N, C-alpha and C. Protein backbone atom coordinates (compact mmCIF):
# COMPACT_ATOMS: atom_id res chain seq x y z
N MET A 1 63.59 31.15 17.17
CA MET A 1 63.15 31.87 15.99
C MET A 1 64.29 32.78 15.55
N THR A 2 64.59 32.71 14.28
CA THR A 2 65.62 33.58 13.73
C THR A 2 64.98 34.48 12.68
N VAL A 3 65.23 35.76 12.81
CA VAL A 3 64.80 36.74 11.82
C VAL A 3 66.04 37.35 11.21
N GLN A 4 66.19 37.17 9.92
CA GLN A 4 67.31 37.78 9.21
C GLN A 4 66.80 39.11 8.66
N LEU A 5 67.17 40.20 9.33
CA LEU A 5 66.65 41.53 9.02
C LEU A 5 67.58 42.28 8.09
N GLU A 6 66.98 42.90 7.09
CA GLU A 6 67.74 43.73 6.15
C GLU A 6 66.95 44.99 5.86
N TYR A 7 67.61 46.12 5.96
CA TYR A 7 67.00 47.39 5.58
C TYR A 7 67.37 47.72 4.14
N GLU A 8 66.36 48.03 3.34
CA GLU A 8 66.59 48.49 1.98
C GLU A 8 66.06 49.91 1.81
N THR A 9 66.13 50.67 2.89
CA THR A 9 65.68 52.05 2.88
C THR A 9 66.41 52.81 3.97
N GLU A 10 66.49 54.10 3.79
CA GLU A 10 67.04 54.96 4.84
C GLU A 10 65.93 55.39 5.79
N LYS A 11 64.69 55.08 5.46
CA LYS A 11 63.53 55.46 6.28
C LYS A 11 63.31 54.39 7.34
N THR A 12 64.15 54.40 8.37
CA THR A 12 64.09 53.40 9.42
C THR A 12 62.96 53.73 10.40
N LEU A 13 62.63 52.74 11.20
CA LEU A 13 61.59 52.90 12.20
C LEU A 13 62.23 53.11 13.57
N PRO A 14 61.58 53.90 14.44
CA PRO A 14 62.16 54.20 15.76
C PRO A 14 61.89 53.12 16.81
N ILE A 15 61.96 51.86 16.37
CA ILE A 15 61.74 50.72 17.27
C ILE A 15 62.79 49.66 16.96
N ASP A 16 62.94 48.69 17.84
CA ASP A 16 63.85 47.58 17.61
C ASP A 16 63.09 46.53 16.79
N CYS A 17 63.15 46.68 15.48
CA CYS A 17 62.37 45.84 14.56
C CYS A 17 62.71 44.36 14.71
N GLU A 18 63.98 44.05 14.84
CA GLU A 18 64.37 42.64 14.92
C GLU A 18 63.83 41.99 16.19
N LYS A 19 64.01 42.66 17.31
CA LYS A 19 63.53 42.11 18.58
C LYS A 19 62.01 41.94 18.58
N LEU A 20 61.30 42.94 18.08
CA LEU A 20 59.85 42.87 18.03
C LEU A 20 59.39 41.78 17.07
N ALA A 21 60.02 41.70 15.90
CA ALA A 21 59.64 40.67 14.93
C ALA A 21 59.85 39.28 15.49
N VAL A 22 60.96 39.07 16.19
CA VAL A 22 61.23 37.77 16.79
C VAL A 22 60.16 37.42 17.82
N SER A 23 59.82 38.35 18.70
CA SER A 23 58.85 38.02 19.75
C SER A 23 57.46 37.76 19.18
N VAL A 24 57.06 38.54 18.17
CA VAL A 24 55.75 38.32 17.55
C VAL A 24 55.73 36.99 16.80
N ALA A 25 56.78 36.74 16.02
CA ALA A 25 56.85 35.49 15.25
C ALA A 25 56.86 34.28 16.19
N GLU A 26 57.63 34.36 17.26
CA GLU A 26 57.66 33.25 18.22
C GLU A 26 56.29 32.99 18.81
N ARG A 27 55.58 34.06 19.13
CA ARG A 27 54.24 33.89 19.72
C ARG A 27 53.28 33.24 18.73
N VAL A 28 53.30 33.69 17.49
CA VAL A 28 52.41 33.10 16.47
C VAL A 28 52.77 31.62 16.27
N LEU A 29 54.05 31.32 16.16
CA LEU A 29 54.46 29.93 15.96
C LEU A 29 54.08 29.06 17.15
N GLU A 30 54.20 29.62 18.34
CA GLU A 30 53.78 28.88 19.55
C GLU A 30 52.28 28.62 19.52
N MET A 31 51.50 29.64 19.18
CA MET A 31 50.05 29.48 19.10
C MET A 31 49.66 28.45 18.05
N GLU A 32 50.41 28.41 16.96
CA GLU A 32 50.11 27.50 15.86
C GLU A 32 50.83 26.16 16.01
N GLU A 33 51.42 25.94 17.18
CA GLU A 33 52.04 24.68 17.55
C GLU A 33 53.06 24.19 16.52
N CYS A 34 53.88 25.10 16.06
CA CYS A 34 54.95 24.74 15.14
C CYS A 34 56.00 23.95 15.91
N PRO A 35 56.27 22.73 15.50
CA PRO A 35 57.20 21.87 16.25
C PRO A 35 58.68 22.09 15.91
N TYR A 36 58.98 23.10 15.10
CA TYR A 36 60.34 23.30 14.63
C TYR A 36 60.86 24.69 15.00
N GLU A 37 62.18 24.79 15.12
CA GLU A 37 62.81 26.10 15.15
C GLU A 37 62.68 26.65 13.73
N ALA A 38 62.36 27.91 13.61
CA ALA A 38 62.08 28.47 12.28
C ALA A 38 62.88 29.73 12.04
N GLU A 39 62.92 30.11 10.78
CA GLU A 39 63.56 31.37 10.41
C GLU A 39 62.80 32.01 9.25
N VAL A 40 62.88 33.34 9.23
CA VAL A 40 62.32 34.13 8.14
C VAL A 40 63.32 35.21 7.77
N SER A 41 63.19 35.65 6.55
CA SER A 41 63.94 36.80 6.08
C SER A 41 62.98 37.98 6.09
N LEU A 42 63.38 39.08 6.72
CA LEU A 42 62.54 40.26 6.81
C LEU A 42 63.27 41.44 6.18
N VAL A 43 62.66 42.00 5.15
CA VAL A 43 63.21 43.17 4.49
C VAL A 43 62.31 44.35 4.82
N ILE A 44 62.92 45.40 5.33
CA ILE A 44 62.19 46.64 5.57
C ILE A 44 62.59 47.59 4.46
N THR A 45 61.60 48.03 3.72
CA THR A 45 61.83 48.88 2.56
C THR A 45 60.96 50.12 2.67
N ASP A 46 60.86 50.87 1.58
CA ASP A 46 59.99 52.04 1.54
C ASP A 46 58.87 51.78 0.54
N ASN A 47 58.01 52.77 0.35
CA ASN A 47 56.88 52.58 -0.56
C ASN A 47 57.32 52.29 -1.98
N GLU A 48 58.38 52.94 -2.42
CA GLU A 48 58.87 52.71 -3.78
C GLU A 48 59.35 51.27 -3.95
N GLY A 49 60.11 50.78 -2.99
CA GLY A 49 60.64 49.41 -3.06
C GLY A 49 59.55 48.37 -3.04
N ILE A 50 58.58 48.52 -2.15
CA ILE A 50 57.51 47.52 -2.05
C ILE A 50 56.57 47.62 -3.25
N HIS A 51 56.43 48.83 -3.80
CA HIS A 51 55.62 49.03 -5.00
C HIS A 51 56.20 48.22 -6.15
N GLN A 52 57.51 48.30 -6.34
CA GLN A 52 58.17 47.56 -7.42
C GLN A 52 57.96 46.05 -7.27
N VAL A 53 58.11 45.54 -6.06
CA VAL A 53 57.95 44.11 -5.82
C VAL A 53 56.49 43.71 -5.99
N ASN A 54 55.57 44.53 -5.52
CA ASN A 54 54.14 44.25 -5.64
C ASN A 54 53.75 44.19 -7.12
N ARG A 55 54.30 45.09 -7.91
CA ARG A 55 54.01 45.11 -9.35
C ARG A 55 54.61 43.87 -10.03
N GLU A 56 55.85 43.55 -9.68
CA GLU A 56 56.54 42.44 -10.32
C GLU A 56 55.93 41.08 -9.98
N PHE A 57 55.61 40.86 -8.71
CA PHE A 57 55.17 39.53 -8.30
C PHE A 57 53.66 39.35 -8.21
N ARG A 58 52.92 40.46 -8.08
CA ARG A 58 51.47 40.33 -7.93
C ARG A 58 50.69 41.09 -9.00
N ASN A 59 51.41 41.75 -9.89
CA ASN A 59 50.77 42.56 -10.94
C ASN A 59 49.82 43.60 -10.36
N ILE A 60 50.18 44.13 -9.19
CA ILE A 60 49.40 45.19 -8.55
C ILE A 60 50.30 46.42 -8.53
N ASP A 61 49.88 47.46 -9.24
CA ASP A 61 50.73 48.62 -9.48
C ASP A 61 50.53 49.72 -8.44
N ARG A 62 50.84 49.38 -7.19
CA ARG A 62 50.77 50.35 -6.10
C ARG A 62 51.55 49.80 -4.91
N PRO A 63 51.95 50.69 -4.02
CA PRO A 63 52.62 50.20 -2.80
C PRO A 63 51.60 49.51 -1.89
N THR A 64 52.10 48.65 -1.05
CA THR A 64 51.28 47.98 -0.05
C THR A 64 52.04 48.01 1.27
N ASP A 65 51.44 47.53 2.33
CA ASP A 65 52.12 47.57 3.63
C ASP A 65 53.04 46.39 3.86
N VAL A 66 52.61 45.21 3.45
CA VAL A 66 53.40 44.00 3.71
C VAL A 66 53.19 42.99 2.59
N LEU A 67 54.25 42.29 2.26
CA LEU A 67 54.19 41.19 1.31
C LEU A 67 54.78 39.96 1.98
N SER A 68 54.19 38.81 1.70
CA SER A 68 54.65 37.55 2.27
C SER A 68 54.94 36.58 1.14
N PHE A 69 56.08 35.93 1.23
CA PHE A 69 56.49 34.95 0.22
C PHE A 69 56.79 33.63 0.92
N PRO A 70 55.77 32.77 1.04
CA PRO A 70 55.95 31.50 1.74
C PRO A 70 56.93 30.57 1.02
N ALA A 71 57.74 29.87 1.81
CA ALA A 71 58.65 28.88 1.26
C ALA A 71 58.02 27.48 1.28
N VAL A 72 57.06 27.30 2.17
CA VAL A 72 56.41 25.99 2.32
C VAL A 72 55.01 26.07 1.71
N PRO A 73 54.70 25.18 0.77
CA PRO A 73 53.37 25.21 0.14
C PRO A 73 52.32 24.46 0.96
N PHE A 74 51.99 25.00 2.13
CA PHE A 74 50.98 24.36 2.97
C PHE A 74 49.67 24.25 2.21
N GLU A 75 49.10 23.04 2.14
CA GLU A 75 47.78 22.88 1.50
C GLU A 75 46.69 23.37 2.42
N THR A 76 46.87 23.13 3.71
CA THR A 76 46.00 23.69 4.73
C THR A 76 46.90 24.33 5.77
N PRO A 77 46.42 25.38 6.43
CA PRO A 77 47.28 26.09 7.38
C PRO A 77 47.88 25.16 8.44
N CYS A 78 49.17 25.33 8.64
CA CYS A 78 49.91 24.64 9.69
C CYS A 78 49.84 23.12 9.60
N ASP A 79 49.69 22.58 8.41
CA ASP A 79 49.73 21.13 8.24
C ASP A 79 51.19 20.73 8.10
N TYR A 80 51.83 20.55 9.25
CA TYR A 80 53.27 20.31 9.30
C TYR A 80 53.67 18.95 8.74
N GLU A 81 52.69 18.12 8.43
CA GLU A 81 52.98 16.80 7.88
C GLU A 81 53.80 16.88 6.59
N ILE A 82 53.55 17.91 5.79
CA ILE A 82 54.30 18.09 4.54
C ILE A 82 55.80 18.16 4.80
N LEU A 83 56.18 18.65 5.97
CA LEU A 83 57.60 18.82 6.31
C LEU A 83 58.27 17.51 6.66
N GLU A 84 57.48 16.54 7.09
CA GLU A 84 58.03 15.23 7.43
C GLU A 84 58.40 14.44 6.17
N GLU A 85 57.80 14.82 5.05
CA GLU A 85 58.02 14.11 3.80
C GLU A 85 59.12 14.75 2.95
N ASP A 86 59.51 15.98 3.28
CA ASP A 86 60.45 16.70 2.42
C ASP A 86 61.32 17.62 3.28
N ASP A 87 62.59 17.29 3.41
CA ASP A 87 63.46 18.09 4.25
C ASP A 87 64.08 19.28 3.52
N SER A 88 63.66 19.53 2.29
CA SER A 88 64.22 20.66 1.53
C SER A 88 63.75 22.01 2.07
N TYR A 89 62.80 22.01 2.98
CA TYR A 89 62.31 23.25 3.58
C TYR A 89 63.14 23.68 4.78
N PHE A 90 64.18 22.93 5.08
CA PHE A 90 65.02 23.21 6.23
C PHE A 90 66.39 23.69 5.78
N ASP A 91 66.94 24.66 6.51
CA ASP A 91 68.27 25.16 6.23
C ASP A 91 69.28 24.07 6.60
N LEU A 92 70.17 23.77 5.67
CA LEU A 92 71.13 22.70 5.90
C LEU A 92 72.10 23.00 7.03
N ASP A 93 72.48 24.25 7.20
CA ASP A 93 73.44 24.61 8.24
C ASP A 93 72.81 24.66 9.63
N SER A 94 71.68 25.36 9.74
CA SER A 94 71.07 25.56 11.06
C SER A 94 70.07 24.49 11.44
N GLY A 95 69.49 23.82 10.44
CA GLY A 95 68.43 22.86 10.71
C GLY A 95 67.07 23.52 10.90
N ASN A 96 67.02 24.86 10.80
CA ASN A 96 65.77 25.59 10.99
C ASN A 96 64.83 25.42 9.80
N LEU A 97 63.55 25.44 10.10
CA LEU A 97 62.52 25.48 9.07
C LEU A 97 62.54 26.86 8.44
N VAL A 98 62.70 26.93 7.13
CA VAL A 98 62.70 28.21 6.43
C VAL A 98 61.26 28.50 6.00
N LEU A 99 60.63 29.44 6.71
CA LEU A 99 59.22 29.74 6.43
C LEU A 99 59.04 30.61 5.20
N GLY A 100 59.97 31.51 4.93
CA GLY A 100 59.85 32.37 3.76
C GLY A 100 60.34 33.77 4.03
N ASP A 101 59.86 34.67 3.18
CA ASP A 101 60.30 36.05 3.20
C ASP A 101 59.14 37.00 3.48
N ILE A 102 59.47 38.06 4.20
CA ILE A 102 58.51 39.13 4.52
C ILE A 102 59.12 40.44 4.07
N MET A 103 58.30 41.30 3.48
CA MET A 103 58.74 42.64 3.11
C MET A 103 57.73 43.62 3.69
N ILE A 104 58.22 44.61 4.43
CA ILE A 104 57.36 45.60 5.07
C ILE A 104 57.81 46.99 4.65
N SER A 105 56.85 47.85 4.32
CA SER A 105 57.15 49.24 4.00
C SER A 105 57.16 50.07 5.29
N SER A 106 58.33 50.64 5.60
CA SER A 106 58.43 51.48 6.79
C SER A 106 57.51 52.68 6.69
N GLU A 107 57.34 53.21 5.49
CA GLU A 107 56.46 54.37 5.30
C GLU A 107 55.01 54.01 5.59
N LYS A 108 54.59 52.82 5.17
CA LYS A 108 53.22 52.38 5.46
C LYS A 108 53.02 52.13 6.94
N VAL A 109 54.04 51.60 7.62
CA VAL A 109 53.94 51.38 9.07
C VAL A 109 53.62 52.71 9.75
N VAL A 110 54.37 53.75 9.41
CA VAL A 110 54.18 55.05 10.03
C VAL A 110 52.82 55.65 9.67
N SER A 111 52.47 55.64 8.40
CA SER A 111 51.21 56.27 7.97
C SER A 111 49.99 55.52 8.50
N GLN A 112 50.06 54.18 8.53
CA GLN A 112 48.92 53.41 9.02
C GLN A 112 48.79 53.51 10.54
N ALA A 113 49.89 53.60 11.24
CA ALA A 113 49.82 53.81 12.69
C ALA A 113 49.09 55.12 12.98
N GLU A 114 49.45 56.14 12.22
CA GLU A 114 48.80 57.44 12.38
C GLU A 114 47.32 57.36 11.98
N GLU A 115 47.05 56.74 10.86
CA GLU A 115 45.68 56.62 10.36
C GLU A 115 44.78 55.86 11.32
N TYR A 116 45.29 54.77 11.90
CA TYR A 116 44.48 53.93 12.78
C TYR A 116 44.57 54.36 14.24
N GLY A 117 45.39 55.37 14.53
CA GLY A 117 45.46 55.92 15.88
C GLY A 117 46.16 55.03 16.89
N HIS A 118 47.16 54.28 16.44
CA HIS A 118 47.92 53.50 17.40
C HIS A 118 49.41 53.66 17.13
N SER A 119 50.20 52.97 17.93
CA SER A 119 51.65 53.17 17.89
C SER A 119 52.30 52.49 16.68
N ILE A 120 53.49 52.95 16.37
CA ILE A 120 54.30 52.31 15.33
C ILE A 120 54.61 50.88 15.76
N THR A 121 54.86 50.67 17.04
CA THR A 121 55.12 49.33 17.55
C THR A 121 53.95 48.41 17.25
N ARG A 122 52.75 48.86 17.52
CA ARG A 122 51.57 48.04 17.30
C ARG A 122 51.38 47.74 15.81
N GLU A 123 51.57 48.73 14.97
CA GLU A 123 51.37 48.53 13.53
C GLU A 123 52.40 47.55 12.98
N PHE A 124 53.65 47.72 13.34
CA PHE A 124 54.70 46.82 12.88
C PHE A 124 54.42 45.39 13.37
N ALA A 125 54.08 45.24 14.64
CA ALA A 125 53.80 43.92 15.21
C ALA A 125 52.62 43.27 14.50
N PHE A 126 51.59 44.05 14.20
CA PHE A 126 50.44 43.53 13.48
C PHE A 126 50.85 42.99 12.12
N LEU A 127 51.67 43.74 11.38
CA LEU A 127 52.08 43.32 10.04
C LEU A 127 52.94 42.06 10.10
N VAL A 128 53.78 41.95 11.12
CA VAL A 128 54.59 40.73 11.27
C VAL A 128 53.68 39.54 11.57
N ALA A 129 52.75 39.69 12.51
CA ALA A 129 51.84 38.59 12.84
C ALA A 129 51.04 38.17 11.60
N HIS A 130 50.54 39.15 10.88
CA HIS A 130 49.77 38.90 9.66
C HIS A 130 50.60 38.09 8.67
N SER A 131 51.83 38.52 8.47
CA SER A 131 52.69 37.87 7.50
C SER A 131 53.10 36.47 7.93
N ILE A 132 53.40 36.27 9.19
CA ILE A 132 53.75 34.94 9.67
C ILE A 132 52.59 33.98 9.45
N LEU A 133 51.37 34.44 9.68
CA LEU A 133 50.21 33.59 9.42
C LEU A 133 50.12 33.22 7.94
N HIS A 134 50.41 34.18 7.06
CA HIS A 134 50.46 33.85 5.63
C HIS A 134 51.53 32.79 5.35
N LEU A 135 52.70 32.94 5.96
CA LEU A 135 53.77 31.97 5.74
C LEU A 135 53.39 30.58 6.24
N LEU A 136 52.46 30.51 7.19
CA LEU A 136 51.98 29.24 7.72
C LEU A 136 50.79 28.69 6.95
N GLY A 137 50.39 29.38 5.88
CA GLY A 137 49.33 28.87 5.02
C GLY A 137 47.97 29.51 5.18
N TYR A 138 47.85 30.49 6.06
CA TYR A 138 46.56 31.18 6.22
C TYR A 138 46.39 32.21 5.10
N ASP A 139 45.13 32.52 4.80
CA ASP A 139 44.82 33.55 3.82
C ASP A 139 43.55 34.27 4.26
N HIS A 140 43.18 35.30 3.53
CA HIS A 140 41.98 36.07 3.87
C HIS A 140 41.18 36.41 2.62
N MET A 141 41.06 35.41 1.75
CA MET A 141 40.33 35.61 0.50
C MET A 141 38.81 35.58 0.70
N THR A 142 38.35 34.92 1.76
CA THR A 142 36.92 34.89 2.06
C THR A 142 36.70 35.58 3.41
N PRO A 143 35.48 36.02 3.68
CA PRO A 143 35.22 36.65 4.98
C PRO A 143 35.54 35.71 6.16
N GLU A 144 35.29 34.43 5.99
CA GLU A 144 35.57 33.47 7.06
C GLU A 144 37.07 33.38 7.33
N GLU A 145 37.86 33.30 6.25
CA GLU A 145 39.31 33.25 6.40
C GLU A 145 39.84 34.54 7.03
N ALA A 146 39.30 35.66 6.59
CA ALA A 146 39.73 36.96 7.13
C ALA A 146 39.44 37.04 8.63
N GLU A 147 38.29 36.53 9.04
CA GLU A 147 37.93 36.57 10.46
C GLU A 147 38.87 35.70 11.29
N ILE A 148 39.23 34.54 10.76
CA ILE A 148 40.17 33.65 11.47
C ILE A 148 41.52 34.33 11.63
N MET A 149 42.01 34.93 10.55
CA MET A 149 43.31 35.62 10.63
C MET A 149 43.25 36.77 11.61
N GLU A 150 42.18 37.55 11.57
CA GLU A 150 42.05 38.70 12.46
C GLU A 150 42.06 38.24 13.93
N GLN A 151 41.33 37.17 14.23
CA GLN A 151 41.30 36.65 15.59
C GLN A 151 42.68 36.20 16.05
N LYS A 152 43.40 35.51 15.18
CA LYS A 152 44.72 35.01 15.53
C LYS A 152 45.72 36.15 15.72
N GLN A 153 45.66 37.15 14.85
CA GLN A 153 46.53 38.32 14.98
C GLN A 153 46.27 39.03 16.30
N THR A 154 45.00 39.28 16.58
CA THR A 154 44.62 39.97 17.81
C THR A 154 45.05 39.18 19.03
N GLN A 155 44.84 37.88 19.01
CA GLN A 155 45.24 37.03 20.14
C GLN A 155 46.74 37.08 20.37
N ALA A 156 47.52 36.98 19.31
CA ALA A 156 48.98 37.01 19.45
C ALA A 156 49.44 38.34 20.04
N LEU A 157 48.95 39.44 19.50
CA LEU A 157 49.37 40.76 19.99
C LEU A 157 48.89 41.00 21.41
N HIS A 158 47.65 40.60 21.70
CA HIS A 158 47.11 40.76 23.06
C HIS A 158 47.96 40.00 24.08
N SER A 159 48.36 38.77 23.72
CA SER A 159 49.14 37.97 24.65
C SER A 159 50.53 38.58 24.91
N LEU A 160 50.99 39.43 23.99
CA LEU A 160 52.26 40.13 24.16
C LEU A 160 52.08 41.52 24.79
N GLY A 161 50.83 41.88 25.08
CA GLY A 161 50.55 43.18 25.67
C GLY A 161 50.60 44.31 24.66
N ILE A 162 50.45 43.97 23.39
CA ILE A 162 50.48 44.99 22.33
C ILE A 162 49.03 45.22 21.89
N GLU A 163 48.48 46.34 22.32
CA GLU A 163 47.06 46.62 22.10
C GLU A 163 46.87 47.84 21.20
N ARG A 164 45.70 47.92 20.63
CA ARG A 164 45.32 49.16 19.94
C ARG A 164 45.12 50.22 21.00
N ASN A 165 45.53 51.43 20.68
CA ASN A 165 45.36 52.53 21.66
C ASN A 165 43.95 53.04 21.66
């Protein structure tokens, strides 16, 4: 798993974001039986930066905690068959499956960790797991979908020993 990390804010987090993102993403991909080496682009920004992107791409005029931009148009979650028919989803140099882009607000990570009473590590890991599931085609538009995503997020974090406090 490759995570291309970029900071677009001076409001950094007091954790090793790249290492944590890689381990969470690897666990989710393993759970979802992804047969490919994969990569994502991860941008850590602030509330202002994510607000601008949220407004531009989703027409929602407020900051959010995480945004996911899938590169693969999975019709159903983790239906890897689409990849066998089209190699344009793979990086030509590395051969890795390009899953998409993730943007996380460092300010939201800190405020939500405080609000929910758990660590910054746990909040960041949760947002990465959540986003990777989106990149794999999962959504939470219905209560049933939301429950599936919640179970998968919890399972991934639990298996890594990352628990709510």
